[in-house]
């Protein structure tokens, strides 16, 4: 869990934010090696790559505050 939060924080910083968003956590969860969450989705035919792509697209569609 700590690694997930650290990686999400790194992603937020890479995107120029000092605050971790739920989307940072979600995308990190999908892209973490050996993610049980990604594995569960892959069992029903949705790849981690597709989940990540959709999450990134959704993140871009969120209006700036």
N, C-alpha and C. Protein backbone atom coordinates (compact mmCIF):
# COMPACT_ATOMS: atom_id res chain seq x y z
N UNK A 1 0.82 -1.19 0.00
CA UNK A 1 0.00 0.00 0.00
C UNK A 1 0.86 1.25 0.00
N UNK A 2 1.92 1.25 0.79
CA UNK A 2 2.80 2.42 0.84
C UNK A 2 3.43 2.66 -0.52
N UNK A 3 3.84 1.60 -1.19
CA UNK A 3 4.42 1.75 -2.53
C UNK A 3 3.41 2.36 -3.49
N UNK A 4 2.16 1.92 -3.40
CA UNK A 4 1.11 2.45 -4.26
C UNK A 4 0.94 3.95 -4.05
N UNK A 5 0.89 4.38 -2.81
CA UNK A 5 0.73 5.80 -2.50
C UNK A 5 1.95 6.60 -2.96
N UNK A 6 3.13 6.05 -2.75
CA UNK A 6 4.35 6.74 -3.21
C UNK A 6 4.38 6.88 -4.73
N UNK A 7 4.02 5.80 -5.42
CA UNK A 7 3.99 5.86 -6.89
C UNK A 7 2.92 6.83 -7.38
N UNK A 8 1.78 6.86 -6.71
CA UNK A 8 0.72 7.80 -7.08
C UNK A 8 1.19 9.24 -6.84
N UNK A 9 1.91 9.45 -5.75
CA UNK A 9 2.46 10.79 -5.48
C UNK A 9 3.46 11.17 -6.57
N UNK A 10 4.30 10.24 -6.96
CA UNK A 10 5.25 10.50 -8.05
C UNK A 10 4.54 10.86 -9.34
N UNK A 11 3.45 10.16 -9.62
CA UNK A 11 2.67 10.46 -10.82
C UNK A 11 2.07 11.86 -10.74
N UNK A 12 1.54 12.20 -9.58
CA UNK A 12 0.97 13.54 -9.40
C UNK A 12 2.04 14.60 -9.61
N UNK A 13 3.22 14.39 -9.04
CA UNK A 13 4.32 15.35 -9.22
C UNK A 13 4.73 15.45 -10.69
N UNK A 14 4.77 14.31 -11.39
CA UNK A 14 5.11 14.30 -12.81
C UNK A 14 4.10 15.10 -13.63
N UNK A 15 2.86 15.15 -13.14
CA UNK A 15 1.80 15.90 -13.82
C UNK A 15 1.71 17.34 -13.33
N UNK A 16 2.66 17.74 -12.47
CA UNK A 16 2.70 19.12 -12.00
C UNK A 16 1.76 19.42 -10.84
N UNK A 17 1.32 18.37 -10.13
CA UNK A 17 0.42 18.58 -9.00
C UNK A 17 1.11 18.18 -7.71
N UNK A 18 0.82 18.88 -6.64
CA UNK A 18 1.35 18.53 -5.33
C UNK A 18 0.40 17.67 -4.52
N UNK A 19 -0.78 17.44 -5.10
CA UNK A 19 -1.82 16.67 -4.41
C UNK A 19 -2.12 15.42 -5.24
N UNK A 20 -2.23 14.29 -4.56
CA UNK A 20 -2.58 13.03 -5.22
C UNK A 20 -4.09 12.99 -5.42
N UNK A 21 -4.50 12.72 -6.64
CA UNK A 21 -5.93 12.62 -6.93
C UNK A 21 -6.36 11.15 -6.94
N UNK A 22 -7.66 10.90 -6.84
CA UNK A 22 -8.13 9.51 -6.95
C UNK A 22 -7.69 8.87 -8.27
N UNK A 23 -7.63 9.67 -9.33
CA UNK A 23 -7.21 9.13 -10.62
C UNK A 23 -5.74 8.70 -10.59
N UNK A 24 -4.89 9.45 -9.86
CA UNK A 24 -3.49 9.03 -9.70
C UNK A 24 -3.43 7.66 -9.05
N UNK A 25 -4.22 7.48 -8.01
CA UNK A 25 -4.25 6.18 -7.32
C UNK A 25 -4.77 5.08 -8.23
N UNK A 26 -5.83 5.36 -8.97
CA UNK A 26 -6.42 4.36 -9.85
C UNK A 26 -5.45 3.94 -10.95
N UNK A 27 -4.86 4.91 -11.62
CA UNK A 27 -3.94 4.61 -12.71
C UNK A 27 -2.72 3.87 -12.18
N UNK A 28 -2.23 4.27 -11.03
CA UNK A 28 -1.09 3.58 -10.43
C UNK A 28 -1.47 2.14 -10.08
N UNK A 29 -2.66 1.95 -9.59
CA UNK A 29 -3.13 0.61 -9.25
C UNK A 29 -3.16 -0.29 -10.48
N UNK A 30 -3.58 0.26 -11.62
CA UNK A 30 -3.63 -0.54 -12.86
C UNK A 30 -2.24 -0.82 -13.42
N UNK A 31 -1.29 0.06 -13.19
CA UNK A 31 0.03 -0.08 -13.82
C UNK A 31 1.08 -0.71 -12.91
N UNK A 32 0.73 -0.97 -11.66
CA UNK A 32 1.66 -1.60 -10.74
C UNK A 32 1.88 -3.05 -11.16
N UNK A 33 3.15 -3.49 -11.25
CA UNK A 33 3.42 -4.89 -11.60
C UNK A 33 2.75 -5.85 -10.61
N UNK A 34 2.20 -6.92 -11.14
CA UNK A 34 1.53 -7.96 -10.35
C UNK A 34 0.33 -7.44 -9.57
N UNK A 35 -0.37 -6.46 -10.12
CA UNK A 35 -1.54 -5.90 -9.47
C UNK A 35 -2.69 -6.90 -9.49
N UNK A 36 -3.18 -7.26 -8.32
CA UNK A 36 -4.30 -8.20 -8.24
C UNK A 36 -5.56 -7.58 -8.83
N UNK A 37 -5.70 -6.27 -8.72
CA UNK A 37 -6.86 -5.59 -9.29
C UNK A 37 -6.83 -5.70 -10.82
N UNK A 38 -5.69 -5.40 -11.41
CA UNK A 38 -5.56 -5.52 -12.86
C UNK A 38 -5.76 -6.96 -13.31
N UNK A 39 -5.27 -7.90 -12.51
CA UNK A 39 -5.44 -9.32 -12.85
C UNK A 39 -6.91 -9.71 -12.85
N UNK A 40 -7.67 -9.22 -11.90
CA UNK A 40 -9.11 -9.52 -11.86
C UNK A 40 -9.82 -9.00 -13.11
N UNK A 41 -9.47 -7.80 -13.55
CA UNK A 41 -10.07 -7.26 -14.78
C UNK A 41 -9.64 -8.07 -15.99
N UNK A 42 -8.37 -8.49 -16.02
CA UNK A 42 -7.90 -9.27 -17.16
C UNK A 42 -8.62 -10.61 -17.26
N UNK A 43 -9.04 -11.16 -16.14
CA UNK A 43 -9.79 -12.43 -16.15
C UNK A 43 -11.13 -12.29 -16.86
N UNK A 44 -11.68 -11.09 -16.88
CA UNK A 44 -12.95 -10.89 -17.58
C UNK A 44 -12.75 -10.27 -18.96
N UNK A 45 -11.48 -10.19 -19.37
CA UNK A 45 -11.19 -9.76 -20.74
C UNK A 45 -10.83 -8.30 -20.93
N UNK A 46 -10.60 -7.57 -19.84
CA UNK A 46 -10.22 -6.16 -19.95
C UNK A 46 -8.78 -6.04 -19.48
N UNK A 47 -7.90 -5.65 -20.39
CA UNK A 47 -6.48 -5.59 -20.03
C UNK A 47 -6.16 -4.36 -19.19
N UNK A 48 -5.08 -4.47 -18.45
CA UNK A 48 -4.60 -3.34 -17.64
C UNK A 48 -4.27 -2.16 -18.53
N UNK A 49 -3.73 -2.44 -19.71
CA UNK A 49 -3.39 -1.36 -20.65
C UNK A 49 -4.65 -0.60 -21.07
N UNK A 50 -5.72 -1.31 -21.34
CA UNK A 50 -6.98 -0.68 -21.75
C UNK A 50 -7.57 0.13 -20.60
N UNK A 51 -7.54 -0.44 -19.38
CA UNK A 51 -8.03 0.28 -18.21
C UNK A 51 -7.26 1.58 -18.00
N UNK A 52 -5.94 1.49 -18.14
CA UNK A 52 -5.09 2.67 -17.97
C UNK A 52 -5.40 3.71 -19.03
N UNK A 53 -5.53 3.26 -20.26
CA UNK A 53 -5.86 4.18 -21.36
C UNK A 53 -7.17 4.91 -21.10
N UNK A 54 -8.19 4.18 -20.68
CA UNK A 54 -9.49 4.79 -20.40
C UNK A 54 -9.42 5.75 -19.22
N UNK A 55 -8.65 5.39 -18.20
CA UNK A 55 -8.51 6.26 -17.03
C UNK A 55 -7.81 7.56 -17.40
N UNK A 56 -6.78 7.46 -18.23
CA UNK A 56 -6.05 8.67 -18.66
C UNK A 56 -6.96 9.56 -19.50
N UNK A 57 -7.75 8.96 -20.37
CA UNK A 57 -8.70 9.75 -21.16
C UNK A 57 -9.73 10.43 -20.27
N UNK A 58 -10.23 9.71 -19.28
CA UNK A 58 -11.20 10.30 -18.36
C UNK A 58 -10.57 11.44 -17.56
N UNK A 59 -9.33 11.26 -17.18
CA UNK A 59 -8.61 12.29 -16.43
C UNK A 59 -8.48 13.57 -17.25
N UNK A 60 -8.26 13.44 -18.53
CA UNK A 60 -8.10 14.62 -19.40
C UNK A 60 -9.42 15.34 -19.60
N UNK A 61 -10.54 14.61 -19.49
CA UNK A 61 -11.86 15.22 -19.71
C UNK A 61 -12.41 15.95 -18.50
N UNK A 62 -11.74 15.83 -17.36
CA UNK A 62 -12.21 16.50 -16.15
C UNK A 62 -11.90 18.00 -16.25
N UNK A 63 -12.89 18.85 -16.05
CA UNK A 63 -12.63 20.29 -16.14
C UNK A 63 -11.68 20.76 -15.02
N UNK A 64 -10.81 21.69 -15.36
CA UNK A 64 -9.87 22.25 -14.39
C UNK A 64 -10.62 23.06 -13.36
N UNK A 65 -10.14 22.98 -12.11
CA UNK A 65 -10.81 23.75 -11.04
C UNK A 65 -10.02 24.95 -10.66
